[in-house]
Amino acid sequence: MATSCWGKTSTFTQIDFVLMLSAQQVTSSFPAIFLQIGLWIMIAMAFISGGHYLCTWGRKALVQRK
């Protein structure tokens, strides 16, 4: 499977969110709303990326089957 822009963006947001959480544990530098927004962006990107891979590779599997 080749990577996509969506997959890379999803990975970036996941890493970024983990870094935000780690920084929050050391110093309370982020307001709670930033963490909530970061969480929802990360979840949305995971679903978008997963949906993209499912459509792309599902379509390729159907073409291969015919």
PDB file of N, CA and C in Angstrom:
ATOM      1  N   MET A   1       0.831  -1.184   0.000  1.00  0.00           N
ATOM      2  CA  MET A   1       0.000   0.000   0.000  1.00  0.00           C
ATOM      3  C   MET A   1       0.872   1.242   0.000  1.00  0.00           C
ATOM      4  N   ALA A   2       0.563   2.103  -0.897  1.00  0.00           N
ATOM      5  CA  ALA A   2       1.288   3.372  -0.960  1.00  0.00           C
ATOM      6  C   ALA A   2       0.665   4.360   0.021  1.00  0.00           C
ATOM      7  N   THR A   3       1.486   5.226   0.535  1.00  0.00           N
ATOM      8  CA  THR A   3       0.966   6.246   1.454  1.00  0.00           C
ATOM      9  C   THR A   3       0.239   7.326   0.668  1.00  0.00           C
ATOM     10  N   SER A   4      -0.646   8.016   1.356  1.00  0.00           N
ATOM     11  CA  SER A   4      -1.361   9.121   0.724  1.00  0.00           C
ATOM     12  C   SER A   4      -1.145  10.383   1.547  1.00  0.00           C
ATOM     13  N   CYS A   5      -1.518  11.474   0.967  1.00  0.00           N
ATOM     14  CA  CYS A   5      -1.430  12.760   1.667  1.00  0.00           C
ATOM     15  C   CYS A   5      -2.298  12.726   2.926  1.00  0.00           C
ATOM     16  N   TRP A   6      -3.466  12.084   2.838  1.00  0.00           N
ATOM     17  CA  TRP A   6      -4.371  11.983   3.983  1.00  0.00           C
ATOM     18  C   TRP A   6      -3.749  11.158   5.104  1.00  0.00           C
ATOM     19  N   GLY A   7      -3.094  10.073   4.743  1.00  0.00           N
ATOM     20  CA  GLY A   7      -2.453   9.229   5.749  1.00  0.00           C
ATOM     21  C   GLY A   7      -1.323   9.951   6.462  1.00  0.00           C
ATOM     22  N   LYS A   8      -0.536  10.677   5.686  1.00  0.00           N
ATOM     23  CA  LYS A   8       0.570  11.427   6.285  1.00  0.00           C
ATOM     24  C   LYS A   8       0.050  12.551   7.181  1.00  0.00           C
ATOM     25  N   THR A   9      -1.011  13.221   6.740  1.00  0.00           N
ATOM     26  CA  THR A   9      -1.597  14.287   7.552  1.00  0.00           C
ATOM     27  C   THR A   9      -2.181  13.721   8.837  1.00  0.00           C
ATOM     28  N   SER A  10      -2.821  12.567   8.741  1.00  0.00           N
ATOM     29  CA  SER A  10      -3.374  11.919   9.927  1.00  0.00           C
ATOM     30  C   SER A  10      -2.268  11.560  10.912  1.00  0.00           C
ATOM     31  N   THR A  11      -1.187  11.003  10.418  1.00  0.00           N
ATOM     32  CA  THR A  11      -0.060  10.655  11.284  1.00  0.00           C
ATOM     33  C   THR A  11       0.518  11.899  11.943  1.00  0.00           C
ATOM     34  N   PHE A  12       0.649  12.973  11.171  1.00  0.00           N
ATOM     35  CA  PHE A  12       1.163  14.225  11.716  1.00  0.00           C
ATOM     36  C   PHE A  12       0.275  14.740  12.837  1.00  0.00           C
ATOM     37  N   THR A  13      -1.053  14.706  12.636  1.00  0.00           N
ATOM     38  CA  THR A  13      -1.951  15.218  13.679  1.00  0.00           C
ATOM     39  C   THR A  13      -1.915  14.336  14.917  1.00  0.00           C
ATOM     40  N   GLN A  14      -1.738  13.037  14.739  1.00  0.00           N
ATOM     41  CA  GLN A  14      -1.639  12.146  15.898  1.00  0.00           C
ATOM     42  C   GLN A  14      -0.376  12.428  16.701  1.00  0.00           C
ATOM     43  N   ILE A  15       0.741  12.590  16.010  1.00  0.00           N
ATOM     44  CA  ILE A  15       1.999  12.895  16.694  1.00  0.00           C
ATOM     45  C   ILE A  15       1.909  14.260  17.374  1.00  0.00           C
ATOM     46  N   ASP A  16       1.335  15.219  16.677  1.00  0.00           N
ATOM     47  CA  ASP A  16       1.190  16.560  17.231  1.00  0.00           C
ATOM     48  C   ASP A  16       0.325  16.538  18.500  1.00  0.00           C
ATOM     49  N   PHE A  17      -0.754  15.764  18.460  1.00  0.00           N
ATOM     50  CA  PHE A  17      -1.629  15.679  19.628  1.00  0.00           C
ATOM     51  C   PHE A  17      -0.921  15.036  20.812  1.00  0.00           C
ATOM     52  N   VAL A  18      -0.148  13.994  20.563  1.00  0.00           N
ATOM     53  CA  VAL A  18       0.608  13.347  21.643  1.00  0.00           C
ATOM     54  C   VAL A  18       1.624  14.323  22.233  1.00  0.00           C
ATOM     55  N   LEU A  19       2.268  15.107  21.390  1.00  0.00           N
ATOM     56  CA  LEU A  19       3.216  16.113  21.898  1.00  0.00           C
ATOM     57  C   LEU A  19       2.499  17.172  22.727  1.00  0.00           C
ATOM     58  N   MET A  20       1.299  17.578  22.287  1.00  0.00           N
ATOM     59  CA  MET A  20       0.509  18.539  23.071  1.00  0.00           C
ATOM     60  C   MET A  20       0.160  17.963  24.442  1.00  0.00           C
ATOM     61  N   LEU A  21      -0.265  16.703  24.462  1.00  0.00           N
ATOM     62  CA  LEU A  21      -0.605  16.074  25.741  1.00  0.00           C
ATOM     63  C   LEU A  21       0.617  15.954  26.648  1.00  0.00           C
ATOM     64  N   SER A  22       1.753  15.608  26.066  1.00  0.00           N
ATOM     65  CA  SER A  22       2.982  15.492  26.853  1.00  0.00           C
ATOM     66  C   SER A  22       3.382  16.839  27.435  1.00  0.00           C
ATOM     67  N   ALA A  23       3.304  17.876  26.616  1.00  0.00           N
ATOM     68  CA  ALA A  23       3.647  19.215  27.088  1.00  0.00           C
ATOM     69  C   ALA A  23       2.674  19.666  28.177  1.00  0.00           C
ATOM     70  N   GLN A  24       1.416  19.290  28.031  1.00  0.00           N
ATOM     71  CA  GLN A  24       0.402  19.662  29.020  1.00  0.00           C
ATOM     72  C   GLN A  24       0.682  19.011  30.377  1.00  0.00           C
ATOM     73  N   GLN A  25       1.245  17.814  30.358  1.00  0.00           N
ATOM     74  CA  GLN A  25       1.570  17.129  31.614  1.00  0.00           C
ATOM     75  C   GLN A  25       2.715  17.819  32.352  1.00  0.00           C
ATOM     76  N   VAL A  26       3.628  18.410  31.604  1.00  0.00           N
ATOM     77  CA  VAL A  26       4.785  19.068  32.210  1.00  0.00           C
ATOM     78  C   VAL A  26       4.417  20.473  32.680  1.00  0.00           C
ATOM     79  N   THR A  27       3.841  21.248  31.770  1.00  0.00           N
ATOM     80  CA  THR A  27       3.396  22.599  32.106  1.00  0.00           C
ATOM     81  C   THR A  27       2.001  22.781  31.533  1.00  0.00           C
ATOM     82  N   SER A  28       1.128  23.343  32.300  1.00  0.00           N
ATOM     83  CA  SER A  28      -0.238  23.573  31.820  1.00  0.00           C
ATOM     84  C   SER A  28      -0.254  24.776  30.892  1.00  0.00           C
ATOM     85  N   SER A  29       0.311  24.588  29.707  1.00  0.00           N
ATOM     86  CA  SER A  29       0.487  25.706  28.787  1.00  0.00           C
ATOM     87  C   SER A  29      -0.641  25.843  27.780  1.00  0.00           C
ATOM     88  N   PHE A  30      -1.488  24.826  27.639  1.00  0.00           N
ATOM     89  CA  PHE A  30      -2.565  24.879  26.661  1.00  0.00           C
ATOM     90  C   PHE A  30      -3.913  24.974  27.374  1.00  0.00           C
ATOM     91  N   PRO A  31      -4.783  25.869  26.907  1.00  0.00           N
ATOM     92  CA  PRO A  31      -6.146  25.866  27.451  1.00  0.00           C
ATOM     93  C   PRO A  31      -6.849  24.548  27.093  1.00  0.00           C
ATOM     94  N   ALA A  32      -7.797  24.163  27.898  1.00  0.00           N
ATOM     95  CA  ALA A  32      -8.502  22.890  27.692  1.00  0.00           C
ATOM     96  C   ALA A  32      -9.178  22.828  26.328  1.00  0.00           C
ATOM     97  N   ILE A  33      -9.645  23.965  25.828  1.00  0.00           N
ATOM     98  CA  ILE A  33     -10.324  23.969  24.525  1.00  0.00           C
ATOM     99  C   ILE A  33      -9.368  23.570  23.405  1.00  0.00           C
ATOM    100  N   PHE A  34      -8.083  23.921  23.521  1.00  0.00           N
ATOM    101  CA  PHE A  34      -7.107  23.526  22.501  1.00  0.00           C
ATOM    102  C   PHE A  34      -6.950  22.014  22.458  1.00  0.00           C
ATOM    103  N   LEU A  35      -6.943  21.398  23.628  1.00  0.00           N
ATOM    104  CA  LEU A  35      -6.824  19.944  23.676  1.00  0.00           C
ATOM    105  C   LEU A  35      -8.069  19.277  23.092  1.00  0.00           C
ATOM    106  N   GLN A  36      -9.242  19.838  23.364  1.00  0.00           N
ATOM    107  CA  GLN A  36     -10.476  19.291  22.800  1.00  0.00           C
ATOM    108  C   GLN A  36     -10.485  19.431  21.278  1.00  0.00           C
ATOM    109  N   ILE A  37     -10.092  20.591  20.785  1.00  0.00           N
ATOM    110  CA  ILE A  37     -10.033  20.805  19.336  1.00  0.00           C
ATOM    111  C   ILE A  37      -9.017  19.861  18.708  1.00  0.00           C
ATOM    112  N   GLY A  38      -7.857  19.732  19.340  1.00  0.00           N
ATOM    113  CA  GLY A  38      -6.827  18.823  18.833  1.00  0.00           C
ATOM    114  C   GLY A  38      -7.307  17.382  18.776  1.00  0.00           C
ATOM    115  N   LEU A  39      -8.049  16.975  19.801  1.00  0.00           N
ATOM    116  CA  LEU A  39      -8.590  15.619  19.827  1.00  0.00           C
ATOM    117  C   LEU A  39      -9.553  15.393  18.675  1.00  0.00           C
ATOM    118  N   TRP A  40     -10.470  16.332  18.450  1.00  0.00           N
ATOM    119  CA  TRP A  40     -11.455  16.163  17.383  1.00  0.00           C
ATOM    120  C   TRP A  40     -10.830  16.241  16.002  1.00  0.00           C
ATOM    121  N   ILE A  41      -9.803  17.074  15.843  1.00  0.00           N
ATOM    122  CA  ILE A  41      -9.090  17.116  14.555  1.00  0.00           C
ATOM    123  C   ILE A  41      -8.400  15.785  14.307  1.00  0.00           C
ATOM    124  N   MET A  42      -7.769  15.237  15.335  1.00  0.00           N
ATOM    125  CA  MET A  42      -7.084  13.956  15.197  1.00  0.00           C
ATOM    126  C   MET A  42      -8.073  12.842  14.829  1.00  0.00           C
ATOM    127  N   ILE A  43      -9.218  12.807  15.496  1.00  0.00           N
ATOM    128  CA  ILE A  43     -10.232  11.795  15.199  1.00  0.00           C
ATOM    129  C   ILE A  43     -10.755  11.958  13.774  1.00  0.00           C
ATOM    130  N   ALA A  44     -11.045  13.188  13.378  1.00  0.00           N
ATOM    131  CA  ALA A  44     -11.549  13.434  12.027  1.00  0.00           C
ATOM    132  C   ALA A  44     -10.534  13.002  10.971  1.00  0.00           C
ATOM    133  N   MET A  45      -9.264  13.324  11.191  1.00  0.00           N
ATOM    134  CA  MET A  45      -8.236  12.950  10.214  1.00  0.00           C
ATOM    135  C   MET A  45      -8.072  11.436  10.136  1.00  0.00           C
ATOM    136  N   ALA A  46      -8.223  10.743  11.251  1.00  0.00           N
ATOM    137  CA  ALA A  46      -8.133   9.282  11.230  1.00  0.00           C
ATOM    138  C   ALA A  46      -9.267   8.692  10.400  1.00  0.00           C
ATOM    139  N   PHE A  47     -10.473   9.226  10.552  1.00  0.00           N
ATOM    140  CA  PHE A  47     -11.608   8.732   9.767  1.00  0.00           C
ATOM    141  C   PHE A  47     -11.462   9.085   8.284  1.00  0.00           C
ATOM    142  N   ILE A  48     -11.022  10.292   7.987  1.00  0.00           N
ATOM    143  CA  ILE A  48     -10.827  10.691   6.586  1.00  0.00           C
ATOM    144  C   ILE A  48      -9.767   9.823   5.938  1.00  0.00           C
ATOM    145  N   SER A  49      -8.661   9.640   6.617  1.00  0.00           N
ATOM    146  CA  SER A  49      -7.574   8.822   6.082  1.00  0.00           C
ATOM    147  C   SER A  49      -8.017   7.373   5.898  1.00  0.00           C
ATOM    148  N   GLY A  50      -8.685   6.814   6.898  1.00  0.00           N
ATOM    149  CA  GLY A  50      -9.163   5.439   6.803  1.00  0.00           C
ATOM    150  C   GLY A  50     -10.167   5.266   5.677  1.00  0.00           C
ATOM    151  N   GLY A  51     -11.086   6.222   5.545  1.00  0.00           N
ATOM    152  CA  GLY A  51     -12.062   6.180   4.455  1.00  0.00           C
ATOM    153  C   GLY A  51     -11.407   6.270   3.093  1.00  0.00           C
ATOM    154  N   HIS A  52     -10.399   7.124   3.002  1.00  0.00           N
ATOM    155  CA  HIS A  52      -9.679   7.266   1.731  1.00  0.00           C
ATOM    156  C   HIS A  52      -8.977   5.967   1.350  1.00  0.00           C
ATOM    157  N   TYR A  53      -8.283   5.360   2.299  1.00  0.00           N
ATOM    158  CA  TYR A  53      -7.617   4.087   2.022  1.00  0.00           C
ATOM    159  C   TYR A  53      -8.626   3.005   1.661  1.00  0.00           C
ATOM    160  N   LEU A  54      -9.743   2.969   2.371  1.00  0.00           N
ATOM    161  CA  LEU A  54     -10.766   1.963   2.096  1.00  0.00           C
ATOM    162  C   LEU A  54     -11.323   2.122   0.679  1.00  0.00           C
ATOM    163  N   CYS A  55     -11.639   3.340   0.295  1.00  0.00           N
ATOM    164  CA  CYS A  55     -12.161   3.579  -1.063  1.00  0.00           C
ATOM    165  C   CYS A  55     -11.115   3.283  -2.131  1.00  0.00           C
ATOM    166  N   THR A  56      -9.912   3.794  -1.932  1.00  0.00           N
ATOM    167  CA  THR A  56      -8.855   3.622  -2.927  1.00  0.00           C
ATOM    168  C   THR A  56      -8.508   2.157  -3.125  1.00  0.00           C
ATOM    169  N   TRP A  57      -8.233   1.462  -2.045  1.00  0.00           N
ATOM    170  CA  TRP A  57      -7.797   0.067  -2.168  1.00  0.00           C
ATOM    171  C   TRP A  57      -8.967  -0.874  -2.418  1.00  0.00           C
ATOM    172  N   GLY A  58     -10.165  -0.509  -1.979  1.00  0.00           N
ATOM    173  CA  GLY A  58     -11.342  -1.300  -2.309  1.00  0.00           C
ATOM    174  C   GLY A  58     -11.632  -1.253  -3.799  1.00  0.00           C
ATOM    175  N   ARG A  59     -11.507  -0.059  -4.381  1.00  0.00           N
ATOM    176  CA  ARG A  59     -11.702   0.103  -5.823  1.00  0.00           C
ATOM    177  C   ARG A  59     -10.658  -0.701  -6.602  1.00  0.00           C
ATOM    178  N   LYS A  60      -9.409  -0.659  -6.148  1.00  0.00           N
ATOM    179  CA  LYS A  60      -8.355  -1.426  -6.826  1.00  0.00           C
ATOM    180  C   LYS A  60      -8.618  -2.921  -6.714  1.00  0.00           C
ATOM    181  N   ALA A  61      -9.129  -3.361  -5.588  1.00  0.00           N
ATOM    182  CA  ALA A  61      -9.428  -4.794  -5.405  1.00  0.00           C
ATOM    183  C   ALA A  61     -10.553  -5.221  -6.333  1.00  0.00           C
ATOM    184  N   LEU A  62     -11.576  -4.360  -6.498  1.00  0.00           N
ATOM    185  CA  LEU A  62     -12.673  -4.697  -7.402  1.00  0.00           C
ATOM    186  C   LEU A  62     -12.218  -4.766  -8.852  1.00  0.00           C
ATOM    187  N   VAL A  63     -11.361  -3.838  -9.236  1.00  0.00           N
ATOM    188  CA  VAL A  63     -10.841  -3.848 -10.609  1.00  0.00           C
ATOM    189  C   VAL A  63      -9.983  -5.102 -10.830  1.00  0.00           C
ATOM    190  N   GLN A  64      -9.201  -5.452  -9.855  1.00  0.00           N
ATOM    191  CA  GLN A  64      -8.333  -6.631  -9.944  1.00  0.00           C
ATOM    192  C   GLN A  64      -9.162  -7.910 -10.062  1.00  0.00           C
ATOM    193  N   ARG A  65     -10.302  -7.938  -9.375  1.00  0.00           N
ATOM    194  CA  ARG A  65     -11.161  -9.116  -9.347  1.00  0.00           C
ATOM    195  C   ARG A  65     -11.816  -9.380 -10.708  1.00  0.00           C
ATOM    196  N   LYS A  66     -12.106  -8.319 -11.448  1.00  0.00           N
ATOM    197  CA  LYS A  66     -12.792  -8.458 -12.740  1.00  0.00           C
ATOM    198  C   LYS A  66     -11.917  -8.975 -13.822  1.00  0.00           C
TER     199      LYS A  66
END
